[in-house]
Protein backbone atom coordinates (compact mmCIF):
# COMPACT_ATOMS: atom_id res chain seq x y z
CA MET A 1 26.79 79.67 83.65
CA PRO A 2 30.29 79.22 84.63
CA ASP A 3 30.92 82.67 84.14
CA ARG A 4 27.62 83.55 85.51
CA ARG A 5 28.79 81.99 89.17
CA ARG A 6 32.24 83.84 88.57
CA ARG A 7 30.82 87.47 88.07
CA ARG A 8 28.74 86.31 91.16
CA ALA A 9 31.39 84.73 92.92
CA ARG A 10 33.71 88.34 92.52
CA ARG A 11 30.38 90.29 93.85
CA ALA A 12 29.98 88.54 97.03
CA ARG A 13 33.71 88.89 98.21
CA PRO A 14 34.39 91.29 101.05
CA VAL A 15 36.03 94.57 100.65
CA ALA A 16 38.84 94.96 102.17
CA ALA A 17 39.27 97.30 105.27
CA PRO A 18 40.59 100.63 104.54
CA GLN A 19 44.57 101.43 104.69
CA ARG A 20 45.57 104.96 105.09
CA ARG A 21 48.44 106.68 103.76
CA ALA A 22 50.33 110.05 104.22
CA ASN A 23 49.12 112.73 101.85
CA SER A 24 51.19 116.06 101.21
CA SER A 25 50.29 118.00 104.26
CA GLY A 26 51.41 114.94 106.83
CA SER A 27 47.73 113.05 107.57
CA CYS A 28 46.67 110.14 106.68
CA ARG A 29 44.11 109.23 103.95
CA GLU A 30 42.31 106.19 103.69
CA ARG A 31 43.26 103.70 101.02
CA PRO A 32 42.03 99.95 99.90
CA GLY A 33 43.80 97.11 101.54
CA GLY A 34 45.61 96.15 104.46
CA ARG A 35 44.44 97.32 108.31
CA GLY A 36 43.38 101.02 108.99
CA TRP A 37 46.64 101.91 111.62
CA GLN A 38 49.16 100.43 109.52
CA ALA A 39 49.57 103.61 108.02
CA ALA A 40 51.85 103.98 105.04
CA CYS A 41 54.09 106.68 106.57
CA CYS A 42 54.77 104.55 109.34
CA TRP A 43 55.79 101.71 108.18
CA PRO A 44 60.04 101.86 108.99
CA ALA A 45 58.63 102.21 112.50
CA ARG A 46 57.85 98.28 112.41
CA GLY A 47 61.33 97.68 111.80
CA ARG A 48 62.73 99.80 114.09
CA PHE A 49 60.73 99.55 117.18
CA PRO A 50 59.39 96.07 116.51
CA ARG A 51 58.12 95.73 120.86
CA MET A 52 56.49 99.10 120.23
CA THR A 53 54.63 98.28 117.26
CA ARG A 54 53.55 94.88 118.10
CA LEU A 55 52.23 96.06 121.10
CA LEU A 56 50.26 99.08 119.46
CA ASP A 57 49.08 96.96 116.91
CA THR A 58 47.36 94.81 119.50
CA LEU A 59 46.06 97.50 121.53
CA HIS A 60 44.47 98.68 118.54
CA ALA A 61 42.46 95.47 118.06
CA VAL A 62 41.34 95.18 121.37
CA LEU A 63 39.87 99.04 121.12
CA ALA A 64 38.85 98.76 117.80
CA GLY A 65 38.65 102.34 117.16
CA GLY A 66 37.33 105.07 119.23
CA ARG A 67 39.71 108.19 120.83
CA LEU A 68 42.45 106.29 122.18
CA ALA A 69 42.74 104.21 118.93
CA SER A 70 43.45 107.45 117.22
CA VAL A 71 46.03 108.80 119.96
CA LEU A 72 47.70 104.81 118.79
CA ASP A 73 47.80 105.85 115.45
CA ALA A 74 49.04 109.30 115.96
CA LEU A 75 51.95 107.74 118.74
CA LEU A 76 52.74 105.51 116.06
CA LEU A 77 53.26 108.32 112.96
CA ALA A 78 56.10 109.55 115.85
CA LEU A 79 57.52 106.43 115.99
CA GLY A 80 58.07 105.97 111.81
CA VAL A 81 59.23 110.15 111.57
CA THR A 82 61.76 109.47 114.04
CA ALA A 83 62.43 105.78 111.89
CA THR A 84 62.76 107.20 108.79
CA VAL A 85 64.87 110.24 109.87
CA THR A 86 67.53 108.18 111.74
CA ALA A 87 67.50 106.13 108.62
CA ALA A 88 68.25 108.23 106.41
CA LEU A 89 70.98 110.17 108.19
CA PRO A 90 73.84 108.46 106.99
CA LEU A 91 72.58 108.80 103.64
CA LEU A 92 72.23 112.66 103.41
CA ALA A 93 75.33 113.01 105.16
CA ARG A 94 77.45 111.14 102.57
CA VAL A 95 75.54 113.07 99.80
CA GLY A 96 76.14 116.34 101.66
CA ALA A 97 79.87 115.45 101.58
CA ARG A 98 79.96 114.44 97.71
CA ARG A 99 78.01 117.97 96.91
CA ARG A 100 81.07 120.36 99.05
CA ALA A 101 83.53 118.95 97.01
CA SER A 102 83.66 116.74 94.23
CA PRO A 103 86.96 113.79 93.57
CA ARG A 104 88.81 116.17 91.33
CA ALA A 105 88.50 119.41 93.40
CA ARG A 106 89.63 117.46 96.12
CA ARG A 107 92.37 115.47 94.20
CA GLY A 108 93.77 118.93 93.26
CA ALA A 109 94.07 120.32 96.41
CA TRP A 110 95.46 117.50 98.07
CA ILE A 111 98.41 116.61 95.27
CA ALA A 112 99.15 120.73 96.33
CA LEU A 113 99.03 119.98 99.71
CA LEU A 114 100.66 116.36 100.59
CA PRO A 115 104.08 116.26 99.62
CA ALA A 116 104.39 119.15 102.72
CA LEU A 117 102.39 116.62 104.88
CA ALA A 118 104.60 113.68 104.33
CA LEU A 119 107.06 115.46 106.46
CA ALA A 120 104.44 115.56 109.21
CA ALA A 121 103.68 112.17 108.70
CA PRO A 122 104.40 109.32 111.90
CA ALA A 123 106.45 107.29 111.91
CA PRO A 124 105.88 103.55 111.67
CA ALA A 125 106.59 100.63 114.20
CA CYS A 126 109.24 98.77 111.82
CA ALA A 127 112.53 99.56 112.11
CA ASP A 128 114.76 100.40 109.24
CA GLY A 129 112.17 100.72 106.55
CA PRO A 130 112.09 104.08 103.96
CA ALA A 131 109.11 105.09 106.09
CA ALA A 132 110.81 104.66 109.22
CA GLN A 133 112.95 106.79 108.02
CA LEU A 134 110.86 109.59 106.31
CA GLY A 135 109.25 108.87 109.54
CA GLN A 136 112.70 110.26 111.39
CA GLN A 137 112.07 113.49 110.68
CA ILE A 138 108.32 114.06 111.66
CA GLY A 139 110.15 115.93 115.25
CA ARG A 140 112.44 117.76 113.36
CA VAL A 141 109.15 119.58 111.75
CA LEU A 142 106.93 119.96 114.45
CA ARG A 143 109.57 121.20 116.88
CA ILE A 144 110.09 123.98 113.66
CA LEU A 145 106.36 124.63 113.25
CA GLU A 146 105.32 124.62 116.88
CA ASP A 147 108.61 126.58 118.25
CA PRO A 148 107.95 130.28 119.64
CA ALA A 149 110.56 131.96 118.71
CA LEU A 150 109.88 130.61 115.10
CA ARG A 151 106.63 131.55 115.31
CA ALA A 152 107.20 135.08 116.11
CA PRO A 153 106.40 138.12 114.01
CA GLY A 154 109.22 138.55 111.50
CA ALA A 155 110.56 135.44 111.65
CA ALA A 156 109.01 133.46 108.91
CA ALA A 157 112.31 133.95 106.41
CA ALA A 158 114.12 131.41 109.66
CA ARG A 159 110.93 129.07 109.79
CA ARG A 160 111.41 128.12 106.02
CA ALA A 161 114.96 128.10 105.68
CA GLU A 162 114.79 125.48 108.97
CA LEU A 163 111.79 123.79 107.04
CA ARG A 164 114.42 123.76 103.60
CA ARG A 165 117.22 121.73 105.46
CA VAL A 166 114.43 118.92 106.78
CA ALA A 167 112.71 119.30 103.21
CA ALA A 168 116.51 118.36 101.32
CA GLU A 169 116.34 115.38 103.58
CA VAL A 170 113.20 113.97 102.22
CA PHE A 171 113.09 114.61 98.94
CA ASP A 172 115.29 114.15 96.05
CA VAL A 173 114.51 116.91 93.31
CA THR A 174 117.68 116.26 90.55
CA GLU A 175 115.52 113.03 90.71
CA ILE A 176 111.64 114.83 90.10
CA THR A 177 113.23 117.13 87.54
CA ARG A 178 115.02 114.09 85.77
CA ARG A 179 111.54 112.12 85.30
CA ALA A 180 109.65 115.04 84.49
CA LEU A 181 111.38 116.00 81.75
CA ALA A 182 111.71 112.28 80.60
CA GLN A 183 113.38 111.94 76.88
CA HIS A 184 114.27 115.42 77.32
CA TRP A 185 116.79 115.06 80.17
CA ALA A 186 119.55 112.75 78.41
CA GLY A 187 120.28 115.75 75.91
CA ARG A 188 120.69 118.44 78.09
CA THR A 189 124.28 119.57 80.21
CA ALA A 190 125.07 119.14 83.33
CA ALA A 191 125.35 122.81 83.49
CA GLU A 192 121.59 122.48 82.35
CA ARG A 193 120.19 120.09 84.86
CA GLU A 194 121.88 121.70 87.74
CA GLU A 195 119.54 124.94 86.50
CA LEU A 196 116.68 123.34 85.82
CA ALA A 197 117.03 121.08 89.52
CA GLY A 198 117.43 124.24 90.80
CA LEU A 199 114.12 125.98 89.35
CA MET A 200 112.08 122.75 90.15
CA ALA A 201 113.33 123.34 93.51
CA ALA A 202 112.41 126.88 94.17
CA LEU A 203 109.34 125.98 93.10
CA LEU A 204 108.83 123.21 95.11
CA GLU A 205 109.53 125.00 97.87
CA ARG A 206 106.75 127.76 97.32
CA ALA A 207 104.61 125.33 96.70
CA TYR A 208 104.95 123.45 99.62
CA LEU A 209 106.73 125.07 102.29
CA THR A 210 104.09 128.16 101.75
CA ARG A 211 101.15 125.02 102.29
CA LEU A 212 102.91 123.43 105.29
CA GLU A 213 102.88 126.66 107.48
CA ARG A 214 99.13 126.31 106.93
CA TYR A 215 99.12 122.79 108.06
CA GLU A 216 95.21 122.55 110.27
CA GLY A 217 96.04 119.07 111.56
CA GLU A 218 95.25 116.59 109.22
CA ARG A 219 96.08 113.06 110.40
CA VAL A 220 98.88 110.93 108.10
CA SER A 221 98.81 107.71 108.95
CA ILE A 222 101.64 105.27 107.17
CA VAL A 223 99.90 101.87 106.57
CA GLY A 224 102.70 100.30 104.85
CA GLU A 225 105.49 99.79 102.38
CA LEU A 226 106.58 97.69 99.06
CA LEU A 227 110.34 97.32 98.75
CA ASP A 228 111.58 96.40 95.34
CA GLY A 229 115.71 96.50 95.59
CA ASP A 230 116.57 100.18 95.48
CA LEU A 231 112.82 101.27 94.61
CA ALA A 232 110.21 102.14 97.79
CA THR A 233 106.77 102.56 97.69
CA VAL A 234 105.20 104.33 101.27
CA ARG A 235 101.41 104.26 101.34
CA THR A 236 99.78 106.27 103.66
CA ARG A 237 96.03 107.51 104.17
CA ILE A 238 95.35 111.44 104.93
CA VAL A 239 92.06 112.42 107.21
CA THR A 240 91.09 115.19 106.53
CA ARG A 241 89.54 117.52 109.62
CA GLN A 242 86.17 116.47 107.83
CA GLY A 243 86.92 112.87 108.20
CA THR A 244 87.84 112.37 104.39
CA GLU A 245 90.09 109.77 103.78
CA ILE A 246 92.50 110.04 100.80
CA PRO A 247 95.33 107.36 99.43
CA VAL A 248 98.55 109.04 98.80
CA ASP A 249 101.18 107.09 97.97
CA TYR A 250 105.29 107.76 98.54
CA ARG A 251 107.56 106.74 95.66
CA LEU A 252 111.23 106.35 97.00
CA HIS A 253 114.76 105.47 95.77
CA ARG A 254 117.89 104.54 97.78
CA VAL A 255 119.97 107.39 97.65
CA GLY A 256 123.44 105.45 99.80
CA ALA A 257 122.27 105.31 102.79
CA ARG A 258 119.08 107.43 103.00
CA TRP A 259 115.60 106.92 101.23
CA LEU A 260 114.75 110.19 99.00
CA ALA A 261 111.18 110.68 97.65
CA TYR A 262 110.93 111.10 93.67
CA ASP A 263 106.91 111.56 93.38
CA VAL A 264 103.89 111.22 95.41
CA VAL A 265 100.84 109.73 94.05
CA VAL A 266 97.59 111.30 95.21
CA GLU A 267 94.33 109.16 95.08
CA GLY A 268 96.43 107.39 91.77
CA VAL A 269 97.46 111.19 90.01
CA SER A 270 101.53 111.35 89.99
CA LEU A 271 102.96 114.32 90.79
CA VAL A 272 105.60 113.81 88.35
CA ALA A 273 103.30 113.00 85.65
CA ASN A 274 101.39 116.34 86.11
CA TYR A 275 105.06 118.28 85.53
CA ARG A 276 106.12 115.72 82.60
CA ALA A 277 102.63 116.49 80.61
CA GLN A 278 103.26 120.03 81.12
CA PHE A 279 106.88 120.11 80.05
CA ALA A 280 106.43 117.64 77.09
CA ARG A 281 103.35 120.36 75.98
CA ILE A 282 106.23 123.17 76.29
CA LEU A 283 109.33 121.24 74.63
CA GLN A 284 106.93 120.08 71.76
CA GLY A 285 106.81 123.37 69.87
CA HIS A 286 109.52 125.52 71.57
CA SER A 287 112.92 125.06 72.85
CA HIS A 288 114.54 124.40 75.94
CA GLN A 289 115.42 127.74 76.56
CA GLU A 290 111.92 128.35 76.36
CA LEU A 291 111.06 126.21 79.14
CA VAL A 292 113.77 127.56 81.16
CA ARG A 293 112.52 131.45 80.89
CA ARG A 294 108.68 129.93 81.40
CA LEU A 295 109.63 128.61 84.90
CA ARG A 296 111.47 131.84 85.93
CA ALA A 297 108.58 134.39 84.85
CA ARG A 298 106.76 131.36 87.05
CA LEU A 299 108.98 131.95 90.10
CA ALA A 300 108.55 135.76 89.65
CA GLU A 301 104.74 135.64 89.88
CA PRO A 302 103.22 135.89 93.27
CA GLU A 303 102.69 132.99 95.22
CA GLU A 304 98.72 133.14 95.38
CA ALA A 305 98.87 132.15 91.26
CA GLY A 306 99.70 129.16 91.62
CA ASP A 307 102.76 126.38 91.97
CA PHE A 308 102.89 124.67 88.13
CA PRO A 309 103.93 126.61 84.43
CA ARG A 310 101.48 127.30 82.39
CA ALA A 311 101.98 125.07 79.66
CA SER A 312 99.43 127.10 77.49
CA ARG A 313 101.14 130.28 77.48
CA ARG A 314 102.91 131.47 74.31
């Protein structure tokens, strides 16, 4: 008996009013449960346009069907589509940015450009720190890049000479070379060290001064500096023309009264570590003279081929 009563009770339950749902063609089809006008394709409108949807809800309940009710359905559908699209736009923009450039590709591009942009970073408000000294070179670089006489055809050599003078006051090429060679530096004579530093200076000049001349208005913000005796780290943020932010740290050491950069770290990737890994692979199976030969051969190649020595070449 109890089972028979339960079956009768289930048969006596009222059937829920059909609720419409968007199909692939964009129209709405009926589905069980809920009120007919509250289409599943329109639900974002209730969160983004609450007052409008409450008003439409009330009007639909009063009209209870008919042509005006269909008009209300269409209006709510339009509100729902608008709410969905506007909510999705930020996500679509982020996805598109990721597809345009992967983190590895962006890092590779900026690790070649950012040491040059160090010369175009704005000076911080603090007075005498390493970041302030770095910022003091800005005016000189901008005057060089914007000087009509140095921008004229045939003035490239003079422009590079001026930029080279500024770079010499920012980067310590000998220290960059020493750190790149790591344990192999100790066994080199003074003449060999000077030769290597000269080759490194030529590589850096060709790589970075060329890119500095192609500077297109990327914004550089100095966000802080960390001091540890005669060592310092200047933290910056690069903002590209597309709005991408890239963290860049400049590592400096004190030489007399000046602070000179010996490394640049882009999104955790060190310029010196990059050179060190390539030099180590060369010196693992070859002599110091072979490293020098490869560096000279590298400088003899066209600039478009790149700026780092190719450790895989035999």
